[in-house]
Amino acid sequence: MIRKWHYIPLTLRQQKEAEALSRHCGDNDAVAELLLRRDVHEPKDADGFFAPSIDDLHDPFLMQDMDKAVNRLNQAMGTKQRIMVYGDYDVDGTTAVALVYKYLQNYYSNIEYYIPTRYEEGYGVSRKSIDYAASVGIKLIIVLDCGIKAIDEIAYAKSRGIDFIICDHHMPDEELPPAVAILNPKMPGSTYPCQHLSGCGVGFKFMQAFAQSNGLTNHGELHGLLDLVAVSIAADLVPIVGENRVMAYHGLRRLNSNPNLGLRSIIRICKLTNKDITISDVIFKIGPRINASGRMQSGIEAVDLLVTRDLHDAYEKGANIDQYNRDRKELDKRITDEANELIERNVSIIEGKRSIVICNHDWHKGIIGIVASRLTELYYKPAVVLTATEGMATGSARSVQGFDIYAGVNSARHLLENFGGHTYAVGLTLKEENVPEFARLFEHYVSEHILPSQLEPQIEIDAQITFSQITPEFIAYLRKFNPFGPGNQKPVFITKNVFDFGTSKLVGKNMEHIKLELEDNSTSRVINAIAFNMAPYFEHIHAHKPIDICYTIEHSKHPSRGDSVQLMVRDIRLSGK
């Protein structure tokens, strides 16, 4: 697939800001440019960016309704009411439930947790859970990572003498549930400084406020739970900027030093022990395993794992969840293959269209979100994947960079029984008979609002550099840009007119990759690189003809070989083209 390289040189104003930043960073112009791309304009802000302080966490009482939420929780604990901590079955929901439950357990024992089952109860607050809560004397439910649209369900709970505190981060509607308090940074009129908290992040802020209100000065108890927040931030792909960067930074430090026992078992299974765990590791290794529990069986098993206090128990539960993940992978591959075959047999699904909507009765509910993501990556179009049972279609929508898929789904909301989500991911339910009309309206909205540039893959370039600029000092600064993720992606560089040193070669089972040793005219130093699936360029490169490359820089430390630098080539162009 041909990718567009998108690089915008600094403006004159930015160049002046860059001069001051460069002086502050050891006269490193490239570092200054990277900082400006991340909206860091002042030298003092650069220091805070490179070393986020836990003291930079916002006052939790800046969030709307926080005082109401804390007062109701204090009341429940003061009168010994039974409390339920309730959350969604995905990574964000299960980590949020684990965090709030574990923290409150330090001070209160009359508490339990609940995760709905995907197939029996579906997403969000279920009537079944409310009936259960009423039967065991629950008086307060703290709901995490869902609940913002549970108007009827929470009204029903209220009629049964149960109060709700909602901790959510999904987009609210005009009508809100009759909860005692709604904690959501996306509420209309919200002035909370960090709008894009994860669901677990909202739960953390609630516990932070609870601690403040009760004079709990042992911050280590709460800050020790930031590993759960970091996992939620990574898995839910929320922007790693502002307060999220602070929590992800310190959460990763915890994950690498003294993680939660449940997470420790997953780290061991992923073979990440004694390695520097990154956000990428969480996204691709740790997160999917925690998620697999809710996808394949029950999300409550993930919470059981994350709250256990016994290491042997953690390893046992971790092994079970790893097996769910293996099953998930097999199912994911099969359904993705079936989805591609369906599209190939029915080209009208995508021909002349800017979106994809497909439905199949046999697909597993827990996998269709992953399949939607795969189709989006493959066809580079917003995709909705649905499965149907008993006349109801349930599905997931995923978007391409820059397009608000929530608004797209919302354009057909009169056809929907339920929906909710974010800019890039939405869950939805509708009557099966309404699927064709939904597909028509969704396509109409996408066609009207998506930009042509959003329908082609782009590589965002941070800076153009020469090989002479890749110094140990520069690498040390690059490490300070961690943690990487949405809003702070790993920097991508361009270097033009580079040549094969004469030792590059094809590698891989089918000789599909190129192991490169490259040089440019700025230095005599030879730089190692790897270009996956780019064998068609080999003849040109081997003939010592110049190429332009865009790449990320990978740095590793090896006990015997010392420090090493390798370029991960994202794309290649023939110089001058």
Protein backbone atom coordinates (compact mmCIF):
# COMPACT_ATOMS: atom_id res chain seq x y z
CA MET A 1 0.00 0.00 0.00
CA ILE A 2 1.38 3.41 -1.02
CA ARG A 3 1.58 5.75 1.95
CA LYS A 4 1.65 9.50 1.87
CA TRP A 5 4.45 11.15 3.82
CA HIS A 6 3.06 14.13 5.69
CA TYR A 7 5.64 16.62 6.89
CA ILE A 8 4.97 20.28 7.67
CA PRO A 9 8.11 22.38 8.26
CA LEU A 10 8.10 24.70 11.24
CA THR A 11 6.65 28.18 10.77
CA LEU A 12 8.81 31.27 11.39
CA ARG A 13 7.18 31.69 14.80
CA GLN A 14 7.84 28.05 15.67
CA GLN A 15 11.44 28.38 14.52
CA LYS A 16 11.96 31.18 17.08
CA GLU A 17 10.41 29.04 19.82
CA ALA A 18 12.59 26.15 18.67
CA GLU A 19 15.76 28.21 19.18
CA ALA A 20 15.03 28.65 22.91
CA LEU A 21 14.03 25.01 23.32
CA SER A 22 17.14 23.86 21.46
CA ARG A 23 19.45 25.86 23.74
CA HIS A 24 17.66 24.31 26.74
CA CYS A 25 18.19 20.82 25.31
CA GLY A 26 21.90 20.97 24.58
CA ASP A 27 21.61 22.76 21.22
CA ASN A 28 19.61 19.89 19.78
CA ASP A 29 17.40 21.27 17.02
CA ALA A 30 15.65 17.97 16.33
CA VAL A 31 14.62 17.58 19.97
CA ALA A 32 13.23 21.12 19.92
CA GLU A 33 11.17 20.32 16.83
CA LEU A 34 9.81 17.14 18.48
CA LEU A 35 8.75 19.14 21.54
CA LEU A 36 6.93 21.73 19.45
CA ARG A 37 5.07 18.95 17.61
CA ARG A 38 3.81 17.89 21.05
CA ASP A 39 2.63 21.37 21.99
CA VAL A 40 5.55 22.02 24.34
CA HIS A 41 6.65 25.61 23.74
CA GLU A 42 8.58 26.75 26.82
CA PRO A 43 11.80 25.37 28.34
CA LYS A 44 10.10 25.01 31.76
CA ASP A 45 7.32 22.95 30.14
CA ALA A 46 9.98 20.76 28.52
CA ASP A 47 11.30 19.83 31.98
CA GLY A 48 7.78 18.82 33.08
CA PHE A 49 7.29 16.84 29.88
CA PHE A 50 10.53 14.89 30.27
CA ALA A 51 10.00 14.15 33.97
CA PRO A 52 6.24 14.20 34.75
CA SER A 53 5.68 14.77 38.45
CA ILE A 54 2.97 13.06 40.47
CA ASP A 55 2.38 16.52 41.95
CA ASP A 56 1.12 17.61 38.53
CA LEU A 57 -2.07 15.55 38.97
CA HIS A 58 -5.09 17.85 38.92
CA ASP A 59 -7.28 18.52 41.93
CA PRO A 60 -10.00 15.84 41.58
CA PHE A 61 -12.62 18.27 42.91
CA LEU A 62 -12.27 20.24 39.67
CA MET A 63 -14.45 17.50 38.16
CA GLN A 64 -18.16 18.21 38.11
CA ASP A 65 -20.16 16.34 40.81
CA MET A 66 -17.05 15.10 42.61
CA ASP A 67 -18.21 16.57 45.93
CA LYS A 68 -21.57 14.79 45.55
CA ALA A 69 -19.88 11.49 44.72
CA VAL A 70 -17.52 11.65 47.70
CA ASN A 71 -20.32 12.67 50.09
CA ARG A 72 -22.51 9.76 48.99
CA LEU A 73 -19.63 7.28 49.31
CA ASN A 74 -18.74 8.61 52.77
CA GLN A 75 -22.40 8.35 53.77
CA ALA A 76 -22.58 4.73 52.58
CA MET A 77 -19.45 3.79 54.50
CA GLY A 78 -20.51 5.73 57.58
CA THR A 79 -23.87 3.94 57.76
CA LYS A 80 -22.36 0.56 56.78
CA GLN A 81 -24.35 0.25 53.55
CA ARG A 82 -23.38 -2.52 51.17
CA ILE A 83 -21.56 -1.19 48.08
CA MET A 84 -21.14 -2.74 44.64
CA VAL A 85 -18.34 -1.76 42.24
CA TYR A 86 -19.61 -2.39 38.70
CA GLY A 87 -17.76 -2.11 35.39
CA ASP A 88 -17.56 -2.98 31.74
CA TYR A 89 -16.01 -6.30 30.66
CA ASP A 90 -13.14 -4.81 28.66
CA VAL A 91 -9.64 -3.87 29.90
CA ASP A 92 -10.62 -0.35 30.89
CA GLY A 93 -13.66 -1.54 32.83
CA THR A 94 -11.98 -4.44 34.62
CA THR A 95 -8.91 -2.42 35.63
CA ALA A 96 -11.22 0.35 36.88
CA VAL A 97 -13.23 -2.08 39.01
CA ALA A 98 -10.05 -3.67 40.36
CA LEU A 99 -8.59 -0.27 41.28
CA VAL A 100 -11.65 1.09 43.11
CA TYR A 101 -12.38 -2.22 44.85
CA LYS A 102 -8.77 -2.73 45.96
CA TYR A 103 -8.44 0.81 47.28
CA LEU A 104 -11.74 0.88 49.17
CA GLN A 105 -11.04 -2.57 50.63
CA ASN A 106 -8.23 -0.96 52.62
CA TYR A 107 -10.88 0.96 54.58
CA TYR A 108 -14.17 -0.87 54.14
CA SER A 109 -15.17 -4.52 53.94
CA ASN A 110 -18.91 -4.42 53.07
CA ILE A 111 -18.20 -4.24 49.35
CA GLU A 112 -18.26 -6.51 46.29
CA TYR A 113 -17.67 -6.24 42.53
CA TYR A 114 -19.71 -7.19 39.49
CA ILE A 115 -18.95 -7.50 35.77
CA PRO A 116 -21.86 -8.21 33.37
CA THR A 117 -21.57 -11.07 30.92
CA ARG A 118 -21.29 -10.06 27.28
CA TYR A 119 -23.83 -12.57 25.96
CA GLU A 120 -26.40 -12.72 28.76
CA GLU A 121 -26.44 -9.07 29.84
CA GLY A 122 -24.62 -7.13 27.14
CA TYR A 123 -22.83 -3.82 27.48
CA GLY A 124 -23.51 -1.41 30.33
CA VAL A 125 -25.84 -1.59 33.31
CA SER A 126 -28.20 -4.58 33.17
CA ARG A 127 -31.53 -5.14 34.93
CA LYS A 128 -30.25 -8.55 35.97
CA SER A 129 -27.42 -6.90 37.92
CA ILE A 130 -29.82 -4.47 39.60
CA ASP A 131 -32.16 -7.31 40.62
CA TYR A 132 -29.16 -9.17 42.04
CA ALA A 133 -27.96 -6.04 43.86
CA ALA A 134 -31.39 -5.53 45.42
CA SER A 135 -31.54 -9.18 46.51
CA VAL A 136 -28.29 -8.94 48.51
CA GLY A 137 -28.99 -5.52 50.04
CA ILE A 138 -26.78 -3.29 47.87
CA LYS A 139 -27.59 0.40 48.47
CA LEU A 140 -24.90 2.07 46.38
CA ILE A 141 -23.44 1.05 43.01
CA ILE A 142 -20.28 2.70 41.70
CA VAL A 143 -20.34 2.07 37.97
CA LEU A 144 -17.13 2.46 35.96
CA ASP A 145 -16.46 2.81 32.23
CA CYS A 146 -20.17 2.71 31.40
CA GLY A 147 -23.50 3.98 32.72
CA ILE A 148 -23.71 7.40 31.06
CA LYS A 149 -26.61 6.22 28.86
CA ALA A 150 -28.29 3.84 31.35
CA ILE A 151 -31.28 6.15 31.92
CA ASP A 152 -34.00 3.49 32.28
CA GLU A 153 -31.80 1.06 34.20
CA ILE A 154 -30.69 3.60 36.79
CA ALA A 155 -34.26 4.87 37.16
CA TYR A 156 -35.25 1.25 37.81
CA ALA A 157 -32.47 0.90 40.39
CA LYS A 158 -33.64 4.07 42.10
CA SER A 159 -37.16 2.60 42.37
CA ARG A 160 -35.58 -0.34 44.20
CA GLY A 161 -33.73 1.87 46.67
CA ILE A 162 -30.31 1.73 45.00
CA ASP A 163 -28.23 4.83 44.28
CA PHE A 164 -25.68 5.12 41.49
CA ILE A 165 -22.42 7.02 41.16
CA ILE A 166 -21.40 7.03 37.48
CA CYS A 167 -17.69 7.14 36.60
CA ASP A 168 -17.61 7.20 32.81
CA HIS A 169 -15.71 8.80 29.95
CA HIS A 170 -18.02 8.09 27.00
CA MET A 171 -20.00 10.83 25.27
CA PRO A 172 -23.19 11.72 27.16
CA ASP A 173 -26.58 12.44 25.58
CA GLU A 174 -28.71 15.48 26.39
CA GLU A 175 -30.79 13.38 28.80
CA LEU A 176 -28.76 12.02 31.71
CA PRO A 177 -29.42 9.11 34.06
CA PRO A 178 -30.89 9.95 37.50
CA ALA A 179 -27.66 9.18 39.35
CA VAL A 180 -26.57 10.77 42.63
CA ALA A 181 -23.41 11.94 40.86
CA ILE A 182 -21.97 11.73 37.36
CA LEU A 183 -18.19 11.89 37.06
CA ASN A 184 -17.32 12.34 33.40
CA PRO A 185 -14.82 14.85 31.98
CA LYS A 186 -16.88 14.97 28.77
CA MET A 187 -20.00 16.34 30.49
CA PRO A 188 -21.45 19.49 28.87
CA GLY A 189 -19.88 22.55 30.44
CA SER A 190 -17.09 20.51 32.04
CA THR A 191 -13.98 22.55 32.80
CA TYR A 192 -11.91 19.61 33.99
CA PRO A 193 -8.40 20.10 32.50
CA CYS A 194 -8.02 16.53 31.15
CA GLN A 195 -11.01 15.67 28.97
CA HIS A 196 -9.72 12.33 27.71
CA LEU A 197 -9.33 10.27 30.87
CA SER A 198 -9.82 6.52 30.62
CA GLY A 199 -12.66 4.94 32.58
CA CYS A 200 -10.06 3.66 35.06
CA GLY A 201 -8.59 7.18 35.14
CA VAL A 202 -11.97 8.57 36.26
CA GLY A 203 -12.09 5.87 38.96
CA PHE A 204 -8.61 6.90 40.11
CA LYS A 205 -9.67 10.55 40.37
CA PHE A 206 -12.68 9.48 42.45
CA MET A 207 -10.44 7.57 44.86
CA GLN A 208 -8.03 10.51 44.96
CA ALA A 209 -10.91 12.78 46.00
CA PHE A 210 -12.11 10.21 48.56
CA ALA A 211 -8.61 10.11 50.07
CA GLN A 212 -8.41 13.91 50.22
CA SER A 213 -11.82 14.26 51.84
CA ASN A 214 -10.90 11.77 54.55
CA GLY A 215 -7.39 13.02 55.23
CA LEU A 216 -5.78 9.80 54.02
CA THR A 217 -2.15 10.80 53.71
CA ASN A 218 -0.67 7.43 52.70
CA HIS A 219 -0.45 8.36 49.02
CA GLY A 220 1.56 5.22 48.32
CA GLU A 221 -1.57 3.07 48.62
CA LEU A 222 -3.30 5.01 45.86
CA HIS A 223 -0.28 5.77 43.68
CA GLY A 224 0.62 2.07 43.86
CA LEU A 225 -2.49 1.41 41.76
CA LEU A 226 -1.29 3.54 38.85
CA ASP A 227 -0.07 0.40 37.05
CA LEU A 228 -3.76 -0.43 36.51
CA VAL A 229 -4.39 3.08 35.19
CA ALA A 230 -1.42 2.81 32.79
CA VAL A 231 -2.79 -0.48 31.43
CA SER A 232 -6.22 1.14 30.89
CA ILE A 233 -4.72 4.21 29.17
CA ALA A 234 -2.74 2.01 26.78
CA ALA A 235 -5.52 -0.50 26.07
CA ASP A 236 -8.23 2.14 25.56
CA LEU A 237 -5.94 4.24 23.33
CA VAL A 238 -6.70 7.52 25.09
CA PRO A 239 -4.29 10.41 24.36
CA ILE A 240 -1.13 10.18 26.46
CA VAL A 241 -0.95 13.92 27.10
CA GLY A 242 -1.39 16.13 30.16
CA GLU A 243 -2.60 14.25 33.22
CA ASN A 244 -2.78 10.98 31.27
CA ARG A 245 0.95 11.30 30.56
CA VAL A 246 1.64 11.75 34.30
CA MET A 247 -0.41 8.65 35.21
CA ALA A 248 0.99 6.55 32.35
CA TYR A 249 4.57 7.57 33.20
CA HIS A 250 4.30 6.64 36.87
CA GLY A 251 2.10 3.63 36.14
CA LEU A 252 4.73 2.21 33.79
CA ARG A 253 7.40 2.73 36.46
CA ARG A 254 5.25 0.71 38.82
CA LEU A 255 4.65 -1.93 36.15
CA ASN A 256 8.41 -2.28 35.71
CA SER A 257 9.32 -2.32 39.41
CA ASN A 258 6.57 -3.73 41.63
CA PRO A 259 3.43 -4.52 39.64
CA ASN A 260 0.09 -5.76 40.86
CA LEU A 261 0.30 -9.57 41.42
CA GLY A 262 -2.23 -10.27 38.67
CA LEU A 263 -0.32 -8.09 36.23
CA ARG A 264 2.90 -9.77 37.34
CA SER A 265 1.51 -13.13 36.24
CA ILE A 266 0.58 -11.70 32.83
CA ILE A 267 4.03 -10.11 32.51
CA ARG A 268 5.59 -13.51 33.22
CA ILE A 269 3.36 -15.22 30.62
CA CYS A 270 4.28 -12.56 28.03
CA LYS A 271 7.98 -13.13 28.79
CA LEU A 272 8.40 -9.48 29.74
CA THR A 273 10.04 -10.14 33.12
CA ASN A 274 13.23 -8.07 33.55
CA LYS A 275 12.48 -6.18 30.35
CA ASP A 276 11.63 -2.51 30.00
CA ILE A 277 7.84 -2.72 29.59
CA THR A 278 6.43 -0.05 27.26
CA ILE A 279 2.99 1.17 26.28
CA SER A 280 3.36 -0.92 23.13
CA ASP A 281 3.86 -4.04 25.26
CA VAL A 282 0.63 -3.26 27.10
CA ILE A 283 -1.29 -2.66 23.86
CA PHE A 284 -0.13 -5.82 22.09
CA LYS A 285 0.68 -8.29 24.90
CA ILE A 286 -0.74 -7.47 28.33
CA GLY A 287 -4.01 -5.74 27.34
CA PRO A 288 -5.26 -8.43 24.91
CA ARG A 289 -4.84 -11.13 27.55
CA ILE A 290 -6.86 -9.21 30.13
CA ASN A 291 -9.43 -8.44 27.45
CA ALA A 292 -9.68 -12.06 26.38
CA SER A 293 -11.49 -12.95 29.59
CA GLY A 294 -14.42 -10.63 28.78
CA ARG A 295 -14.36 -11.57 25.10
CA MET A 296 -14.34 -15.34 25.51
CA GLN A 297 -15.80 -16.06 28.96
CA SER A 298 -16.48 -13.55 31.72
CA GLY A 299 -14.74 -10.28 32.52
CA ILE A 300 -15.08 -11.06 36.22
CA GLU A 301 -12.19 -13.51 35.85
CA ALA A 302 -9.97 -10.58 34.85
CA VAL A 303 -10.97 -8.71 38.01
CA ASP A 304 -10.43 -11.85 40.10
CA LEU A 305 -6.90 -11.94 38.70
CA LEU A 306 -6.21 -8.23 39.28
CA VAL A 307 -7.41 -8.18 42.90
CA THR A 308 -5.84 -11.43 44.10
CA ARG A 309 -3.37 -11.19 46.97
CA ASP A 310 -1.87 -14.66 46.43
CA LEU A 311 0.94 -15.16 43.92
CA HIS A 312 0.18 -18.85 43.25
CA ASP A 313 -3.47 -17.93 42.66
CA ALA A 314 -2.36 -15.13 40.32
CA TYR A 315 -0.24 -17.51 38.23
CA GLU A 316 -3.11 -20.01 38.01
CA LYS A 317 -5.65 -17.38 36.97
CA GLY A 318 -3.13 -15.82 34.56
CA ALA A 319 -2.66 -19.18 32.82
CA ASN A 320 -6.43 -19.51 32.37
CA ILE A 321 -6.67 -16.06 30.84
CA ASP A 322 -3.72 -16.78 28.55
CA GLN A 323 -5.64 -19.79 27.21
CA TYR A 324 -8.65 -17.54 26.56
CA ASN A 325 -6.32 -15.30 24.57
CA ARG A 326 -5.08 -18.21 22.46
CA ASP A 327 -8.69 -19.17 21.72
CA ARG A 328 -9.42 -15.53 20.92
CA LYS A 329 -6.56 -15.39 18.40
CA GLU A 330 -7.86 -18.45 16.54
CA LEU A 331 -11.40 -17.05 16.47
CA ASP A 332 -10.15 -13.61 15.47
CA LYS A 333 -8.24 -15.03 12.47
CA ARG A 334 -11.17 -17.16 11.33
CA ILE A 335 -13.74 -14.36 11.51
CA THR A 336 -11.39 -11.86 9.86
CA ASP A 337 -10.83 -14.32 7.00
CA GLU A 338 -14.59 -14.84 6.70
CA ALA A 339 -15.18 -11.08 6.65
CA ASN A 340 -12.62 -10.62 3.87
CA GLU A 341 -14.16 -13.49 1.88
CA LEU A 342 -17.60 -11.92 2.31
CA ILE A 343 -16.31 -8.61 0.92
CA GLU A 344 -14.48 -10.32 -1.96
CA ARG A 345 -17.65 -12.24 -2.94
CA ASN A 346 -19.83 -9.13 -2.65
CA VAL A 347 -17.75 -6.26 -4.01
CA SER A 348 -20.79 -3.99 -3.77
CA ILE A 349 -20.07 -3.83 -0.01
CA ILE A 350 -17.08 -1.56 -0.67
CA GLU A 351 -17.23 -0.63 -4.37
CA GLY A 352 -17.75 3.10 -4.73
CA LYS A 353 -18.23 3.46 -0.97
CA ARG A 354 -16.30 5.24 1.71
CA SER A 355 -17.37 2.95 4.54
CA ILE A 356 -17.88 -0.74 5.28
CA VAL A 357 -20.92 -2.27 7.02
CA ILE A 358 -21.15 -6.07 7.21
CA CYS A 359 -23.24 -8.50 9.26
CA ASN A 360 -23.05 -12.24 9.92
CA HIS A 361 -25.17 -14.36 12.27
CA ASP A 362 -22.35 -16.75 13.17
CA TRP A 363 -19.72 -14.29 14.40
CA HIS A 364 -18.75 -14.11 18.06
CA LYS A 365 -19.79 -10.90 19.83
CA GLY A 366 -16.51 -10.69 21.70
CA ILE A 367 -14.39 -10.62 18.54
CA ILE A 368 -16.20 -8.26 16.16
CA GLY A 369 -14.48 -5.16 17.54
CA ILE A 370 -11.10 -6.64 16.64
CA VAL A 371 -12.40 -7.62 13.19
CA ALA A 372 -13.68 -4.08 12.60
CA SER A 373 -10.19 -2.78 13.43
CA ARG A 374 -8.61 -5.25 11.02
CA LEU A 375 -10.95 -4.22 8.17
CA THR A 376 -10.24 -0.55 8.85
CA GLU A 377 -6.50 -1.22 8.63
CA LEU A 378 -6.87 -3.31 5.46
CA TYR A 379 -9.26 -1.12 3.46
CA TYR A 380 -8.61 2.19 5.21
CA LYS A 381 -12.30 2.99 5.54
CA PRO A 382 -14.51 3.38 8.64
CA ALA A 383 -15.90 -0.09 9.34
CA VAL A 384 -18.93 -1.45 11.21
CA VAL A 385 -19.04 -5.19 11.91
CA LEU A 386 -22.28 -6.71 13.21
CA THR A 387 -23.49 -10.09 14.39
CA ALA A 388 -27.17 -10.92 14.81
CA THR A 389 -29.22 -13.20 17.06
CA GLU A 390 -32.97 -13.32 17.63
CA GLY A 391 -33.63 -10.31 15.42
CA MET A 392 -31.09 -8.00 17.12
CA ALA A 393 -27.78 -6.96 15.59
CA THR A 394 -24.89 -6.03 17.86
CA GLY A 395 -21.71 -4.55 16.56
CA SER A 396 -18.59 -2.45 16.78
CA ALA A 397 -17.46 0.47 14.67
CA ARG A 398 -13.84 1.54 14.15
CA SER A 399 -12.49 4.60 12.39
CA VAL A 400 -9.55 5.89 10.40
CA GLN A 401 -7.28 8.66 11.62
CA GLY A 402 -9.05 12.00 11.94
CA PHE A 403 -12.64 10.85 11.32
CA ASP A 404 -15.23 11.01 14.13
CA ILE A 405 -17.06 7.69 13.86
CA TYR A 406 -19.20 8.48 16.91
CA ALA A 407 -20.80 11.32 14.92
CA GLY A 408 -21.28 8.94 11.98
CA VAL A 409 -23.16 6.37 14.07
CA ASN A 410 -25.07 9.14 15.84
CA SER A 411 -26.42 10.31 12.44
CA ALA A 412 -28.55 7.14 12.37
CA ARG A 413 -29.38 7.03 16.07
CA HIS A 414 -33.15 6.84 15.43
CA LEU A 415 -32.53 3.32 14.08
CA LEU A 416 -30.51 2.23 17.13
CA GLU A 417 -31.61 0.58 20.33
CA ASN A 418 -28.40 1.57 22.07
CA PHE A 419 -24.96 2.94 21.25
CA GLY A 420 -21.96 4.61 22.88
CA GLY A 421 -18.27 5.20 22.53
CA HIS A 422 -15.54 7.58 21.42
CA THR A 423 -14.26 9.36 18.33
CA TYR A 424 -12.57 6.22 17.00
CA ALA A 425 -14.57 3.33 18.50
CA VAL A 426 -18.31 2.82 19.01
CA GLY A 427 -20.48 -0.07 20.17
CA LEU A 428 -24.06 -0.29 18.87
CA THR A 429 -27.23 -2.40 18.92
CA LEU A 430 -30.14 -2.26 16.46
CA LYS A 431 -32.93 -4.42 15.08
CA GLU A 432 -31.65 -6.66 12.31
CA GLU A 433 -34.31 -5.33 9.94
CA ASN A 434 -32.79 -1.85 10.30
CA VAL A 435 -29.25 -2.85 9.26
CA PRO A 436 -29.65 -1.99 5.51
CA GLU A 437 -31.04 1.47 6.29
CA PHE A 438 -28.34 2.04 8.91
CA ALA A 439 -25.68 1.11 6.32
CA ARG A 440 -27.21 3.60 3.86
CA LEU A 441 -27.36 6.48 6.34
CA PHE A 442 -23.90 5.73 7.74
CA GLU A 443 -22.39 5.70 4.25
CA HIS A 444 -24.16 8.98 3.45
CA TYR A 445 -22.71 10.63 6.56
CA VAL A 446 -19.20 9.30 5.91
CA SER A 447 -19.30 10.41 2.25
CA GLU A 448 -20.40 13.90 3.27
CA HIS A 449 -17.91 14.42 6.09
CA ILE A 450 -14.75 12.39 5.50
CA LEU A 451 -11.82 14.10 3.79
CA PRO A 452 -10.10 12.40 0.83
CA SER A 453 -6.82 12.49 2.80
CA GLN A 454 -8.46 10.46 5.58
CA LEU A 455 -9.11 7.61 3.15
CA GLU A 456 -5.46 7.02 2.38
CA PRO A 457 -2.80 5.91 4.84
CA GLN A 458 -0.48 8.67 5.91
CA ILE A 459 2.76 8.65 7.80
CA GLU A 460 3.08 11.72 9.99
CA ILE A 461 6.68 12.92 9.95
CA ASP A 462 8.11 14.69 13.00
CA ALA A 463 11.44 15.91 11.66
CA GLN A 464 13.93 15.66 8.82
CA ILE A 465 17.42 14.77 10.08
CA THR A 466 20.78 13.48 8.89
CA PHE A 467 22.61 10.47 10.29
CA SER A 468 25.13 12.78 11.96
CA GLN A 469 22.33 13.96 14.28
CA ILE A 470 21.72 10.44 15.63
CA THR A 471 24.11 10.83 18.56
CA PRO A 472 24.09 9.20 22.04
CA GLU A 473 22.84 12.53 23.43
CA PHE A 474 19.98 12.56 20.92
CA ILE A 475 19.06 8.95 21.78
CA ALA A 476 19.06 9.85 25.49
CA TYR A 477 16.57 12.64 24.79
CA LEU A 478 14.41 10.34 22.66
CA ARG A 479 14.08 7.99 25.62
CA LYS A 480 12.68 10.88 27.65
CA PHE A 481 9.77 11.20 25.22
CA ASN A 482 8.33 7.94 26.59
CA PRO A 483 5.64 6.84 27.21
CA PHE A 484 4.53 6.81 23.58
CA GLY A 485 0.95 6.47 22.41
CA PRO A 486 -1.92 8.55 20.95
CA GLY A 487 -1.06 12.24 21.18
CA ASN A 488 2.61 11.35 21.61
CA GLN A 489 3.47 8.74 19.01
CA LYS A 490 7.01 7.44 18.67
CA PRO A 491 8.81 10.10 16.56
CA VAL A 492 9.08 9.39 12.84
CA PHE A 493 12.03 10.86 10.93
CA ILE A 494 13.01 11.39 7.31
CA THR A 495 16.55 11.10 6.06
CA LYS A 496 17.14 11.78 2.36
CA ASN A 497 19.78 10.51 -0.03
CA VAL A 498 21.03 7.53 1.92
CA PHE A 499 23.07 4.70 0.38
CA ASP A 500 23.77 1.06 0.95
CA PHE A 501 27.16 0.61 2.61
CA GLY A 502 27.49 -2.48 0.44
CA THR A 503 26.46 -5.05 3.00
CA SER A 504 22.65 -4.90 2.95
CA LYS A 505 20.92 -8.23 2.33
CA LEU A 506 17.55 -9.90 2.00
CA VAL A 507 16.35 -11.85 5.04
CA GLY A 508 13.23 -13.68 6.17
CA LYS A 509 11.65 -17.02 5.36
CA ASN A 510 10.73 -15.85 1.86
CA MET A 511 13.46 -13.20 1.57
CA GLU A 512 10.79 -10.54 1.93
CA HIS A 513 12.67 -8.21 4.32
CA ILE A 514 15.83 -6.13 3.92
CA LYS A 515 18.52 -5.93 6.59
CA LEU A 516 20.17 -2.64 5.82
CA GLU A 517 23.50 -1.04 6.57
CA LEU A 518 23.23 2.58 5.43
CA GLU A 519 25.25 5.77 5.24
CA ASP A 520 24.67 9.35 4.12
CA ASN A 521 26.93 12.27 3.25
CA SER A 522 26.76 13.84 6.73
CA THR A 523 28.97 11.27 8.46
CA SER A 524 31.10 8.20 7.79
CA ARG A 525 29.12 6.27 10.39
CA VAL A 526 27.19 3.21 9.19
CA ILE A 527 23.64 2.89 10.55
CA ASN A 528 21.83 -0.44 10.93
CA ALA A 529 18.20 -0.67 9.80
CA ILE A 530 15.49 -3.19 9.03
CA ALA A 531 12.78 -2.78 6.37
CA PHE A 532 10.01 -5.35 6.64
CA ASN A 533 8.25 -6.50 3.46
CA MET A 534 10.21 -4.09 1.26
CA ALA A 535 12.19 -6.59 -0.83
CA PRO A 536 11.08 -4.93 -4.15
CA TYR A 537 13.45 -2.05 -3.33
CA PHE A 538 16.47 -4.29 -2.84
CA GLU A 539 17.85 -4.22 -6.38
CA HIS A 540 17.77 -0.41 -6.42
CA ILE A 541 19.44 -0.24 -2.99
CA HIS A 542 22.03 -2.92 -3.83
CA ALA A 543 22.99 -0.95 -6.94
CA HIS A 544 24.11 1.84 -4.56
CA LYS A 545 21.41 4.18 -5.79
CA PRO A 546 20.12 6.81 -3.31
CA ILE A 547 16.89 6.37 -1.38
CA ASP A 548 14.86 8.46 1.08
CA ILE A 549 13.67 6.65 4.20
CA CYS A 550 11.18 7.42 6.93
CA TYR A 551 11.71 5.54 10.16
CA THR A 552 11.59 5.30 13.91
CA ILE A 553 14.71 4.86 16.02
CA GLU A 554 14.93 1.80 18.26
CA HIS A 555 17.45 1.75 21.06
CA SER A 556 18.34 -1.29 23.13
CA LYS A 557 20.80 -2.23 25.85
CA HIS A 558 22.38 -5.68 25.88
CA PRO A 559 24.47 -6.97 28.81
CA SER A 560 27.29 -8.18 26.56
CA ARG A 561 26.93 -6.12 23.38
CA GLY A 562 26.21 -2.76 25.04
CA ASP A 563 24.00 -0.09 23.51
CA SER A 564 22.72 -0.51 19.98
CA VAL A 565 20.68 1.62 17.61
CA GLN A 566 18.54 0.31 14.78
CA LEU A 567 16.25 2.18 12.41
CA MET A 568 12.82 0.63 11.87
CA VAL A 569 12.06 1.70 8.31
CA ARG A 570 8.40 2.57 7.81
CA ASP A 571 8.66 3.38 4.10
CA ILE A 572 11.16 3.87 1.27
CA ARG A 573 11.19 6.23 -1.68
CA LEU A 574 13.61 6.55 -4.54
CA SER A 575 15.51 9.81 -4.05
CA GLY A 576 14.33 12.63 -6.29
CA LYS A 577 10.95 11.01 -6.93
